[in-house]
Amino acid sequence: MLEYVVVSQDTPCLRVFRRRTHWQLESYSAEDTFKLESVGLEMPVQKICRRVRREVGLDVPFL
């Protein structure tokens, strides 16, 4: 495993943990776009946070 993502269901933010020589944490907020280097994915934080909120049955909008 090279990267994993933790998404908050309460606030529009997520954390990406990357394994280099040791695990590094990168935090992103609603205005940011995050990238998963291992799979070449780049996505706005708001897009994934809306989907998580929908999946757990919360009102979708954050803002």
PDB file of N, CA and C in Angstrom:
ATOM      1  N   MET A   1       0.851  -1.165   0.000  1.00  0.00           N
ATOM      2  CA  MET A   1       0.000   0.000   0.000  1.00  0.00           C
ATOM      3  C   MET A   1       0.903   1.236   0.000  1.00  0.00           C
ATOM      4  N   LEU A   2       0.593   2.156  -0.908  1.00  0.00           N
ATOM      5  CA  LEU A   2       1.377   3.381  -1.014  1.00  0.00           C
ATOM      6  C   LEU A   2       0.645   4.598  -0.481  1.00  0.00           C
ATOM      7  N   GLU A   3      -0.686   4.579  -0.573  1.00  0.00           N
ATOM      8  CA  GLU A   3      -1.492   5.719  -0.128  1.00  0.00           C
ATOM      9  C   GLU A   3      -2.821   5.208   0.407  1.00  0.00           C
ATOM     10  N   TYR A   4      -3.377   5.964   1.351  1.00  0.00           N
ATOM     11  CA  TYR A   4      -4.765   5.742   1.733  1.00  0.00           C
ATOM     12  C   TYR A   4      -5.375   7.066   2.141  1.00  0.00           C
ATOM     13  N   VAL A   5      -6.706   7.126   2.057  1.00  0.00           N
ATOM     14  CA  VAL A   5      -7.449   8.369   2.269  1.00  0.00           C
ATOM     15  C   VAL A   5      -8.430   8.180   3.410  1.00  0.00           C
ATOM     16  N   VAL A   6      -8.512   9.187   4.286  1.00  0.00           N
ATOM     17  CA  VAL A   6      -9.513   9.232   5.350  1.00  0.00           C
ATOM     18  C   VAL A   6     -10.379  10.452   5.075  1.00  0.00           C
ATOM     19  N   VAL A   7     -11.692  10.220   4.921  1.00  0.00           N
ATOM     20  CA  VAL A   7     -12.629  11.293   4.593  1.00  0.00           C
ATOM     21  C   VAL A   7     -13.524  11.555   5.793  1.00  0.00           C
ATOM     22  N   SER A   8     -13.668  12.819   6.157  1.00  0.00           N
ATOM     23  CA  SER A   8     -14.551  13.202   7.258  1.00  0.00           C
ATOM     24  C   SER A   8     -15.993  13.223   6.773  1.00  0.00           C
ATOM     25  N   GLN A   9     -16.908  12.694   7.572  1.00  0.00           N
ATOM     26  CA  GLN A   9     -18.318  12.790   7.218  1.00  0.00           C
ATOM     27  C   GLN A   9     -18.950  14.043   7.806  1.00  0.00           C
ATOM     28  N   ASP A  10     -18.242  14.740   8.682  1.00  0.00           N
ATOM     29  CA  ASP A  10     -18.790  15.913   9.361  1.00  0.00           C
ATOM     30  C   ASP A  10     -18.326  17.240   8.781  1.00  0.00           C
ATOM     31  N   THR A  11     -17.143  17.279   8.228  1.00  0.00           N
ATOM     32  CA  THR A  11     -16.603  18.514   7.658  1.00  0.00           C
ATOM     33  C   THR A  11     -16.026  18.205   6.284  1.00  0.00           C
ATOM     34  N   PRO A  12     -15.991  19.187   5.392  1.00  0.00           N
ATOM     35  CA  PRO A  12     -15.476  18.926   4.043  1.00  0.00           C
ATOM     36  C   PRO A  12     -13.948  18.910   4.023  1.00  0.00           C
ATOM     37  N   CYS A  13     -13.397  17.851   4.551  1.00  0.00           N
ATOM     38  CA  CYS A  13     -11.942  17.722   4.545  1.00  0.00           C
ATOM     39  C   CYS A  13     -11.570  16.251   4.434  1.00  0.00           C
ATOM     40  N   LEU A  14     -10.359  16.027   4.005  1.00  0.00           N
ATOM     41  CA  LEU A  14      -9.854  14.661   3.963  1.00  0.00           C
ATOM     42  C   LEU A  14      -8.355  14.675   4.201  1.00  0.00           C
ATOM     43  N   ARG A  15      -7.846  13.498   4.510  1.00  0.00           N
ATOM     44  CA  ARG A  15      -6.418  13.331   4.771  1.00  0.00           C
ATOM     45  C   ARG A  15      -5.899  12.218   3.876  1.00  0.00           C
ATOM     46  N   VAL A  16      -4.767  12.483   3.278  1.00  0.00           N
ATOM     47  CA  VAL A  16      -4.101  11.474   2.459  1.00  0.00           C
ATOM     48  C   VAL A  16      -2.806  11.094   3.166  1.00  0.00           C
ATOM     49  N   PHE A  17      -2.648   9.818   3.409  1.00  0.00           N
ATOM     50  CA  PHE A  17      -1.420   9.289   3.997  1.00  0.00           C
ATOM     51  C   PHE A  17      -0.626   8.634   2.874  1.00  0.00           C
ATOM     52  N   ARG A  18       0.628   9.059   2.730  1.00  0.00           N
ATOM     53  CA  ARG A  18       1.502   8.526   1.681  1.00  0.00           C
ATOM     54  C   ARG A  18       2.715   7.859   2.324  1.00  0.00           C
ATOM     55  N   ARG A  19       3.042   6.697   1.793  1.00  0.00           N
ATOM     56  CA  ARG A  19       4.230   6.003   2.291  1.00  0.00           C
ATOM     57  C   ARG A  19       5.418   6.355   1.409  1.00  0.00           C
ATOM     58  N   ARG A  20       6.377   6.964   2.008  1.00  0.00           N
ATOM     59  CA  ARG A  20       7.655   7.260   1.346  1.00  0.00           C
ATOM     60  C   ARG A  20       8.699   6.485   2.156  1.00  0.00           C
ATOM     61  N   THR A  21       9.667   7.142   2.746  1.00  0.00           N
ATOM     62  CA  THR A  21      10.556   6.435   3.672  1.00  0.00           C
ATOM     63  C   THR A  21       9.817   6.172   4.978  1.00  0.00           C
ATOM     64  N   HIS A  22       8.808   7.001   5.247  1.00  0.00           N
ATOM     65  CA  HIS A  22       7.879   6.806   6.363  1.00  0.00           C
ATOM     66  C   HIS A  22       6.531   7.382   5.914  1.00  0.00           C
ATOM     67  N   TRP A  23       5.477   7.177   6.690  1.00  0.00           N
ATOM     68  CA  TRP A  23       4.154   7.686   6.313  1.00  0.00           C
ATOM     69  C   TRP A  23       4.110   9.198   6.494  1.00  0.00           C
ATOM     70  N   GLN A  24       3.624   9.896   5.472  1.00  0.00           N
ATOM     71  CA  GLN A  24       3.466  11.347   5.515  1.00  0.00           C
ATOM     72  C   GLN A  24       1.985  11.679   5.390  1.00  0.00           C
ATOM     73  N   LEU A  25       1.555  12.679   6.136  1.00  0.00           N
ATOM     74  CA  LEU A  25       0.162  13.115   6.131  1.00  0.00           C
ATOM     75  C   LEU A  25       0.031  14.406   5.342  1.00  0.00           C
ATOM     76  N   GLU A  26      -0.972  14.441   4.459  1.00  0.00           N
ATOM     77  CA  GLU A  26      -1.338  15.663   3.755  1.00  0.00           C
ATOM     78  C   GLU A  26      -2.815  15.909   4.024  1.00  0.00           C
ATOM     79  N   SER A  27      -3.151  17.102   4.491  1.00  0.00           N
ATOM     80  CA  SER A  27      -4.540  17.453   4.792  1.00  0.00           C
ATOM     81  C   SER A  27      -5.072  18.391   3.723  1.00  0.00           C
ATOM     82  N   TYR A  28      -6.334  18.186   3.357  1.00  0.00           N
ATOM     83  CA  TYR A  28      -6.977  18.994   2.325  1.00  0.00           C
ATOM     84  C   TYR A  28      -8.321  19.490   2.830  1.00  0.00           C
ATOM     85  N   SER A  29      -8.679  20.711   2.435  1.00  0.00           N
ATOM     86  CA  SER A  29      -9.975  21.281   2.817  1.00  0.00           C
ATOM     87  C   SER A  29     -10.869  21.393   1.585  1.00  0.00           C
ATOM     88  N   ALA A  30     -12.065  21.928   1.768  1.00  0.00           N
ATOM     89  CA  ALA A  30     -13.096  21.957   0.731  1.00  0.00           C
ATOM     90  C   ALA A  30     -12.647  22.604  -0.573  1.00  0.00           C
ATOM     91  N   GLU A  31     -11.798  23.603  -0.507  1.00  0.00           N
ATOM     92  CA  GLU A  31     -11.391  24.330  -1.712  1.00  0.00           C
ATOM     93  C   GLU A  31     -10.306  23.608  -2.498  1.00  0.00           C
ATOM     94  N   ASP A  32      -9.731  22.568  -1.924  1.00  0.00           N
ATOM     95  CA  ASP A  32      -8.565  21.912  -2.509  1.00  0.00           C
ATOM     96  C   ASP A  32      -8.943  20.798  -3.482  1.00  0.00           C
ATOM     97  N   THR A  33      -7.962  20.414  -4.248  1.00  0.00           N
ATOM     98  CA  THR A  33      -8.015  19.217  -5.082  1.00  0.00           C
ATOM     99  C   THR A  33      -6.909  18.300  -4.585  1.00  0.00           C
ATOM    100  N   PHE A  34      -7.226  17.035  -4.396  1.00  0.00           N
ATOM    101  CA  PHE A  34      -6.206  16.101  -3.929  1.00  0.00           C
ATOM    102  C   PHE A  34      -5.832  15.148  -5.057  1.00  0.00           C
ATOM    103  N   LYS A  35      -4.664  14.558  -4.921  1.00  0.00           N
ATOM    104  CA  LYS A  35      -4.169  13.643  -5.940  1.00  0.00           C
ATOM    105  C   LYS A  35      -3.673  12.366  -5.279  1.00  0.00           C
ATOM    106  N   LEU A  36      -4.053  11.244  -5.862  1.00  0.00           N
ATOM    107  CA  LEU A  36      -3.499   9.955  -5.462  1.00  0.00           C
ATOM    108  C   LEU A  36      -2.480   9.567  -6.529  1.00  0.00           C
ATOM    109  N   GLU A  37      -1.231   9.750  -6.202  1.00  0.00           N
ATOM    110  CA  GLU A  37      -0.152   9.541  -7.163  1.00  0.00           C
ATOM    111  C   GLU A  37      -0.071   8.094  -7.643  1.00  0.00           C
ATOM    112  N   SER A  38      -0.371   7.144  -6.763  1.00  0.00           N
ATOM    113  CA  SER A  38      -0.205   5.730  -7.100  1.00  0.00           C
ATOM    114  C   SER A  38      -1.160   5.257  -8.189  1.00  0.00           C
ATOM    115  N   VAL A  39      -2.301   5.942  -8.348  1.00  0.00           N
ATOM    116  CA  VAL A  39      -3.281   5.543  -9.368  1.00  0.00           C
ATOM    117  C   VAL A  39      -3.577   6.654 -10.366  1.00  0.00           C
ATOM    118  N   GLY A  40      -2.889   7.784 -10.243  1.00  0.00           N
ATOM    119  CA  GLY A  40      -3.078   8.885 -11.185  1.00  0.00           C
ATOM    120  C   GLY A  40      -4.438   9.548 -11.106  1.00  0.00           C
ATOM    121  N   LEU A  41      -5.022   9.603  -9.916  1.00  0.00           N
ATOM    122  CA  LEU A  41      -6.340  10.210  -9.725  1.00  0.00           C
ATOM    123  C   LEU A  41      -6.195  11.600  -9.132  1.00  0.00           C
ATOM    124  N   GLU A  42      -6.912  12.560  -9.696  1.00  0.00           N
ATOM    125  CA  GLU A  42      -6.973  13.909  -9.147  1.00  0.00           C
ATOM    126  C   GLU A  42      -8.444  14.296  -9.067  1.00  0.00           C
ATOM    127  N   MET A  43      -8.892  14.790  -7.888  1.00  0.00           N
ATOM    128  CA  MET A  43     -10.312  15.050  -7.676  1.00  0.00           C
ATOM    129  C   MET A  43     -10.509  16.179  -6.672  1.00  0.00           C
ATOM    130  N   PRO A  44     -11.529  17.017  -6.879  1.00  0.00           N
ATOM    131  CA  PRO A  44     -11.847  18.042  -5.884  1.00  0.00           C
ATOM    132  C   PRO A  44     -12.334  17.392  -4.586  1.00  0.00           C
ATOM    133  N   VAL A  45     -11.904  17.928  -3.473  1.00  0.00           N
ATOM    134  CA  VAL A  45     -12.313  17.416  -2.161  1.00  0.00           C
ATOM    135  C   VAL A  45     -13.829  17.449  -2.025  1.00  0.00           C
ATOM    136  N   GLN A  46     -14.468  18.522  -2.460  1.00  0.00           N
ATOM    137  CA  GLN A  46     -15.924  18.641  -2.320  1.00  0.00           C
ATOM    138  C   GLN A  46     -16.662  17.503  -3.005  1.00  0.00           C
ATOM    139  N   LYS A  47     -16.161  17.043  -4.129  1.00  0.00           N
ATOM    140  CA  LYS A  47     -16.833  15.967  -4.860  1.00  0.00           C
ATOM    141  C   LYS A  47     -16.874  14.680  -4.041  1.00  0.00           C
ATOM    142  N   ILE A  48     -15.762  14.286  -3.479  1.00  0.00           N
ATOM    143  CA  ILE A  48     -15.746  13.047  -2.701  1.00  0.00           C
ATOM    144  C   ILE A  48     -16.481  13.215  -1.374  1.00  0.00           C
ATOM    145  N   CYS A  49     -16.404  14.400  -0.761  1.00  0.00           N
ATOM    146  CA  CYS A  49     -17.096  14.628   0.514  1.00  0.00           C
ATOM    147  C   CYS A  49     -18.613  14.588   0.336  1.00  0.00           C
ATOM    148  N   ARG A  50     -19.126  15.130  -0.756  1.00  0.00           N
ATOM    149  CA  ARG A  50     -20.575  15.057  -1.022  1.00  0.00           C
ATOM    150  C   ARG A  50     -21.022  13.615  -1.155  1.00  0.00           C
ATOM    151  N   ARG A  51     -20.218  12.821  -1.831  1.00  0.00           N
ATOM    152  CA  ARG A  51     -20.582  11.419  -2.018  1.00  0.00           C
ATOM    153  C   ARG A  51     -20.572  10.654  -0.693  1.00  0.00           C
ATOM    154  N   VAL A  52     -19.588  10.910   0.147  1.00  0.00           N
ATOM    155  CA  VAL A  52     -19.528  10.260   1.464  1.00  0.00           C
ATOM    156  C   VAL A  52     -20.749  10.636   2.284  1.00  0.00           C
ATOM    157  N   ARG A  53     -21.106  11.917   2.303  1.00  0.00           N
ATOM    158  CA  ARG A  53     -22.270  12.353   3.076  1.00  0.00           C
ATOM    159  C   ARG A  53     -23.544  11.688   2.555  1.00  0.00           C
ATOM    160  N   ARG A  54     -23.670  11.551   1.255  1.00  0.00           N
ATOM    161  CA  ARG A  54     -24.842  10.893   0.675  1.00  0.00           C
ATOM    162  C   ARG A  54     -24.888   9.433   1.117  1.00  0.00           C
ATOM    163  N   GLU A  55     -23.754   8.762   1.114  1.00  0.00           N
ATOM    164  CA  GLU A  55     -23.690   7.347   1.487  1.00  0.00           C
ATOM    165  C   GLU A  55     -24.064   7.108   2.949  1.00  0.00           C
ATOM    166  N   VAL A  56     -23.737   8.042   3.837  1.00  0.00           N
ATOM    167  CA  VAL A  56     -24.059   7.853   5.255  1.00  0.00           C
ATOM    168  C   VAL A  56     -25.399   8.475   5.626  1.00  0.00           C
ATOM    169  N   GLY A  57     -26.132   8.990   4.623  1.00  0.00           N
ATOM    170  CA  GLY A  57     -27.481   9.484   4.864  1.00  0.00           C
ATOM    171  C   GLY A  57     -27.574  10.880   5.440  1.00  0.00           C
ATOM    172  N   LEU A  58     -26.563  11.705   5.233  1.00  0.00           N
ATOM    173  CA  LEU A  58     -26.597  13.085   5.715  1.00  0.00           C
ATOM    174  C   LEU A  58     -27.026  14.008   4.590  1.00  0.00           C
ATOM    175  N   ASP A  59     -27.488  15.200   4.947  1.00  0.00           N
ATOM    176  CA  ASP A  59     -27.780  16.197   3.926  1.00  0.00           C
ATOM    177  C   ASP A  59     -26.516  16.444   3.137  1.00  0.00           C
ATOM    178  N   VAL A  60     -26.616  16.483   1.842  1.00  0.00           N
ATOM    179  CA  VAL A  60     -25.438  16.554   0.994  1.00  0.00           C
ATOM    180  C   VAL A  60     -24.664  17.858   1.097  1.00  0.00           C
ATOM    181  N   PRO A  61     -25.265  19.049   1.011  1.00  0.00           N
ATOM    182  CA  PRO A  61     -24.443  20.274   0.971  1.00  0.00           C
ATOM    183  C   PRO A  61     -23.669  20.518   2.264  1.00  0.00           C
ATOM    184  N   PHE A  62     -22.444  20.978   2.114  1.00  0.00           N
ATOM    185  CA  PHE A  62     -21.650  21.454   3.238  1.00  0.00           C
ATOM    186  C   PHE A  62     -21.771  22.953   3.338  1.00  0.00           C
ATOM    187  N   LEU A  63     -21.764  23.609   2.176  1.00  0.00           N
ATOM    188  CA  LEU A  63     -21.693  25.063   2.148  1.00  0.00           C
ATOM    189  C   LEU A  63     -23.037  25.672   1.861  1.00  0.00           C
TER     190      LEU A  63
END
